[in-house]
Protein backbone atom coordinates (compact mmCIF):
# COMPACT_ATOMS: atom_id res chain seq x y z
CA MET A 1 40.61 19.77 -60.24
CA VAL A 2 42.96 21.67 -57.87
CA ARG A 3 39.78 23.23 -56.22
CA PHE A 4 38.19 19.84 -55.82
CA LEU A 5 41.22 18.44 -54.07
CA GLY A 6 41.54 21.47 -51.93
CA SER A 7 37.91 21.23 -50.80
CA ILE A 8 38.32 17.53 -49.87
CA LEU A 9 41.36 18.25 -47.83
CA LEU A 10 39.76 21.29 -46.15
CA GLY A 11 36.72 19.06 -45.29
CA ALA A 12 38.90 16.42 -43.92
CA PHE A 13 40.84 18.88 -41.83
CA VAL A 14 37.67 20.38 -40.28
CA ALA A 15 36.25 16.92 -39.67
CA PHE A 16 39.44 15.86 -37.88
CA GLY A 17 39.29 19.03 -35.79
CA LEU A 18 35.71 18.59 -34.78
CA PHE A 19 36.44 14.96 -33.70
CA ALA A 20 39.56 16.08 -31.67
CA PHE A 21 37.44 18.85 -30.00
CA MET A 22 34.57 16.43 -28.99
CA ALA A 23 37.03 13.93 -27.54
CA PHE A 24 38.58 16.81 -25.52
CA LEU A 25 35.20 17.79 -24.11
CA VAL A 26 34.40 14.09 -23.20
CA SER A 27 37.71 13.59 -21.40
CA SER A 28 37.50 16.88 -19.46
CA GLY A 29 33.90 15.91 -18.28
CA ASP A 30 35.04 12.60 -16.93
CA ARG A 31 38.01 14.23 -15.17
CA ASN A 32 35.66 16.66 -13.50
CA LYS A 33 33.57 13.81 -12.23
CA GLU A 34 36.63 12.02 -10.79
CA ASP A 35 37.70 15.29 -9.14
CA GLN A 36 34.33 15.58 -7.55
CA GLN A 37 34.34 12.11 -6.26
CA ASP A 38 37.74 12.55 -4.73
CA ASN A 39 36.56 15.74 -2.96
CA ILE A 40 33.74 13.78 -1.19
CA ILE A 41 34.55 12.99 2.43
CA VAL A 42 32.55 10.36 4.31
CA GLU A 43 32.49 10.75 8.13
CA VAL A 44 31.56 7.83 10.16
CA ASN A 45 30.68 8.72 13.71
CA THR A 46 30.62 5.53 15.82
CA THR A 47 29.85 7.30 19.07
CA PRO A 48 26.25 8.84 19.04
CA PRO A 49 25.90 12.18 20.79
CA LYS A 50 24.52 11.90 24.27
CA SER A 51 20.94 13.02 24.51
CA ALA A 52 19.34 14.92 27.30
CA ALA A 53 17.18 11.89 28.19
CA GLU A 54 20.33 9.79 28.95
CA GLN A 55 21.83 12.47 30.98
CA ARG A 56 18.87 12.69 33.39
CA ARG A 57 19.09 10.41 36.31
CA ARG A 58 16.16 8.14 37.17
CA VAL A 59 14.33 9.29 40.31
CA PRO A 60 13.14 6.22 42.27
CA PRO A 61 9.25 6.18 42.73
CA PRO A 62 8.09 7.01 46.32
CA PRO A 63 7.40 3.82 48.35
CA PRO A 64 3.80 2.69 48.43
CA PRO A 65 1.77 3.53 51.49
CA PRO A 66 1.44 0.77 54.03
CA PRO A 67 -1.80 -1.25 53.62
CA LYS A 68 -4.72 -0.25 55.66
CA THR A 69 -5.87 -2.64 58.29
CA PRO A 70 -9.23 -4.00 57.36
CA PRO A 71 -12.18 -3.17 59.55
CA LYS A 72 -13.14 -5.76 62.04
CA GLN A 73 -16.08 -7.93 60.79
CA GLN A 74 -19.11 -7.90 62.81
CA ALA A 75 -20.83 -11.26 63.55
CA PRO A 76 -23.69 -11.81 61.07
CA GLU A 77 -27.10 -11.42 62.39
CA PRO A 78 -29.60 -14.24 62.09
CA GLU A 79 -31.06 -14.18 58.56
CA THR A 80 -34.70 -13.21 58.11
CA ASN A 81 -36.58 -12.59 54.95
CA ASN A 82 -39.63 -10.19 55.53
CA ASN A 83 -40.02 -9.16 51.95
CA THR A 84 -43.24 -10.91 51.07
CA GLY A 85 -44.87 -8.29 48.79
CA GLY A 86 -48.20 -8.15 50.72
CA ILE A 87 -48.45 -11.98 50.89
CA SER A 88 -48.86 -13.50 54.38
CA PHE A 89 -47.41 -16.85 55.49
CA ASN A 90 -48.57 -18.89 58.45
CA MET A 91 -45.70 -20.81 59.78
CA PRO A 92 -46.69 -22.62 63.01
CA GLY A 93 -44.26 -24.26 65.40
CA VAL A 94 -42.46 -27.40 64.37
CA GLN A 95 -44.19 -30.51 65.72
CA MET A 96 -41.87 -32.65 67.70
CA SER A 97 -42.31 -35.95 69.53
CA SER A 98 -41.82 -34.25 73.07
CA ALA A 99 -42.48 -30.57 72.59
CA SER A 100 -43.72 -27.99 70.11
CA THR A 101 -41.12 -25.29 69.37
CA GLY A 102 -42.05 -21.81 67.91
CA LEU A 103 -40.08 -18.77 66.90
CA ASN A 104 -40.23 -17.27 70.39
CA ALA A 105 -39.12 -20.37 72.13
CA PRO A 106 -36.51 -19.88 74.77
CA GLY A 107 -32.89 -20.52 73.59
CA ALA A 108 -31.07 -23.59 74.49
CA GLY A 109 -27.27 -23.56 74.68
CA MET A 110 -25.10 -26.24 73.27
CA GLY A 111 -23.91 -27.24 76.71
CA ARG A 112 -27.48 -27.71 78.27
CA ASP A 113 -30.00 -30.30 77.55
CA GLY A 114 -33.12 -29.32 75.52
CA ASP A 115 -34.95 -29.77 72.25
CA ALA A 116 -33.86 -28.11 69.04
CA THR A 117 -34.50 -24.31 68.96
CA PRO A 118 -35.05 -22.40 65.76
CA ILE A 119 -32.49 -19.73 64.96
CA VAL A 120 -33.22 -18.73 61.39
CA ARG A 121 -36.45 -19.21 59.52
CA ILE A 122 -36.78 -18.15 55.82
CA GLU A 123 -40.31 -17.56 54.42
CA PRO A 124 -41.00 -19.19 51.24
CA LYS A 125 -41.58 -17.17 48.13
CA TYR A 126 -44.97 -17.11 46.73
CA PRO A 127 -45.15 -18.71 43.26
CA ILE A 128 -45.73 -15.95 40.68
CA GLN A 129 -48.50 -18.07 38.67
CA ALA A 130 -50.30 -18.87 42.01
CA ALA A 131 -50.24 -15.20 43.05
CA ARG A 132 -51.62 -14.19 39.49
CA ASP A 133 -54.35 -16.83 39.74
CA GLY A 134 -55.15 -15.96 43.37
CA LYS A 135 -54.53 -19.40 44.67
CA GLU A 136 -54.01 -20.21 48.34
CA GLY A 137 -53.00 -23.51 50.14
CA TYR A 138 -50.59 -25.19 52.40
CA VAL A 139 -47.79 -27.74 52.44
CA ILE A 140 -47.00 -30.15 55.15
CA LEU A 141 -43.35 -31.23 55.23
CA SER A 142 -41.23 -33.82 57.23
CA PHE A 143 -37.55 -33.09 57.82
CA THR A 144 -34.50 -33.86 59.89
CA ILE A 145 -32.33 -31.69 62.08
CA ASN A 146 -28.71 -32.81 62.04
CA LYS A 147 -26.12 -32.38 64.81
CA ILE A 148 -25.06 -29.00 63.56
CA GLY A 149 -28.59 -27.65 63.35
CA GLY A 150 -29.02 -27.92 59.55
CA VAL A 151 -32.11 -29.17 57.95
CA GLU A 152 -32.02 -32.50 55.88
CA ASP A 153 -34.31 -35.01 54.23
CA VAL A 154 -37.07 -32.51 53.39
CA LYS A 155 -40.19 -34.45 52.04
CA VAL A 156 -43.71 -33.32 51.17
CA LEU A 157 -46.31 -35.24 53.16
CA GLU A 158 -49.38 -33.31 52.02
CA ALA A 159 -50.14 -30.34 49.87
CA LYS A 160 -53.23 -28.44 48.80
CA PRO A 161 -53.39 -27.85 45.84
CA LYS A 162 -50.77 -30.41 44.76
CA ARG A 163 -47.54 -29.31 43.04
CA VAL A 164 -48.27 -25.68 43.30
CA PHE A 165 -46.42 -24.65 46.57
CA ASP A 166 -44.18 -27.71 47.01
CA LYS A 167 -41.01 -26.44 45.40
CA GLU A 168 -40.94 -23.10 47.26
CA ALA A 169 -41.85 -24.70 50.53
CA ARG A 170 -38.95 -27.32 50.33
CA ARG A 171 -36.55 -24.57 49.22
CA ALA A 172 -37.47 -22.35 52.11
CA LEU A 173 -37.27 -25.21 54.77
CA ARG A 174 -33.85 -26.28 53.66
CA LYS A 175 -32.51 -22.82 54.70
CA TRP A 176 -33.80 -23.06 58.26
CA LYS A 177 -31.15 -23.16 61.09
CA TYR A 178 -31.61 -24.75 64.50
CA LYS A 179 -29.71 -25.13 67.72
CA PRO A 180 -29.72 -28.97 67.79
CA LYS A 181 -31.21 -31.12 70.47
CA VAL A 182 -28.72 -31.66 73.25
CA VAL A 183 -28.87 -34.60 75.72
CA ASP A 184 -26.10 -35.13 78.28
CA GLY A 185 -24.24 -32.28 76.70
CA LYS A 186 -24.09 -33.94 73.27
CA PRO A 187 -25.99 -32.71 70.10
CA LEU A 188 -28.26 -35.25 68.64
CA VAL A 189 -30.01 -35.87 65.18
CA GLN A 190 -33.78 -35.38 65.27
CA LYS A 191 -35.67 -37.18 62.63
CA GLY A 192 -39.48 -37.21 61.64
CA LEU A 193 -40.20 -33.54 62.38
CA THR A 194 -43.07 -32.02 60.55
CA VAL A 195 -44.02 -28.41 59.85
CA GLN A 196 -47.03 -26.90 57.93
CA LEU A 197 -46.44 -23.89 55.74
CA ASP A 198 -49.52 -21.95 54.69
CA PHE A 199 -49.68 -19.90 51.65
CA LYS A 200 -52.27 -17.09 51.84
CA MET A 201 -52.74 -13.86 49.90
CA GLY A 202 -52.19 -10.86 52.20
CA VAL A 203 -55.08 -8.40 52.80
CA ASP A 204 -54.07 -4.81 53.54
C-alpha cells in the first residue's frame, strides 16, 4: 500500500516537473522573439542619393543650319507630246474665217492685232483597241478659243469610223493652247473654229 502511494506521488511530481519545464521553454522562446523584434532598426531615407545622370548638365543641341535658298525655277517650255509609239497623226492647220493657222505660223503678241496663234498642241493617243484591230480614221471637231487662249466647247462634227477616235480627239484638243486673237489691242473670243485630226498607223 505504501509503495502504491509512493508511486502515485512520484508520478505526480514528475508530471508537474515536466509541465513546468515545458512552460519555461515556451516563455523563453517568446522572449527571444521579442528581443529580436526590438533589435530590428528600420531606416527611412527620404532623400534619394543623387545619380550620375542628375549631376550631368544638359548640353544644348547645336542650332539648325540656315535653310538653303531654293533654286530659281525656269519658265516651263511649251508642252509637246511626241510619244506616239510608231503611230502618226496628221494635224492640219485650224480653219478660221479669215486665215488658216498652222504650227509654224508666226507668233502674234498680245499687244498686236492678229489671229489666234497655236502655242501648245497635244497629239491624241491612239486607242488601244483600234491599234490592235488596225483601224484608221479621222475626226473633225469644232471648238472655241477664249480670251486667255484656252480651248472650249469642243464638239465632234464628223468622225470616221464613228465613236472610235472621238474621245481621244476631244481630250487632246482641250489641252491645246493659243495666243488669242487681238483686235485693237484687246483679246477676243473666237467661236466656230474647226480642225481635223487624222488617225493613221505609222509605217517605219
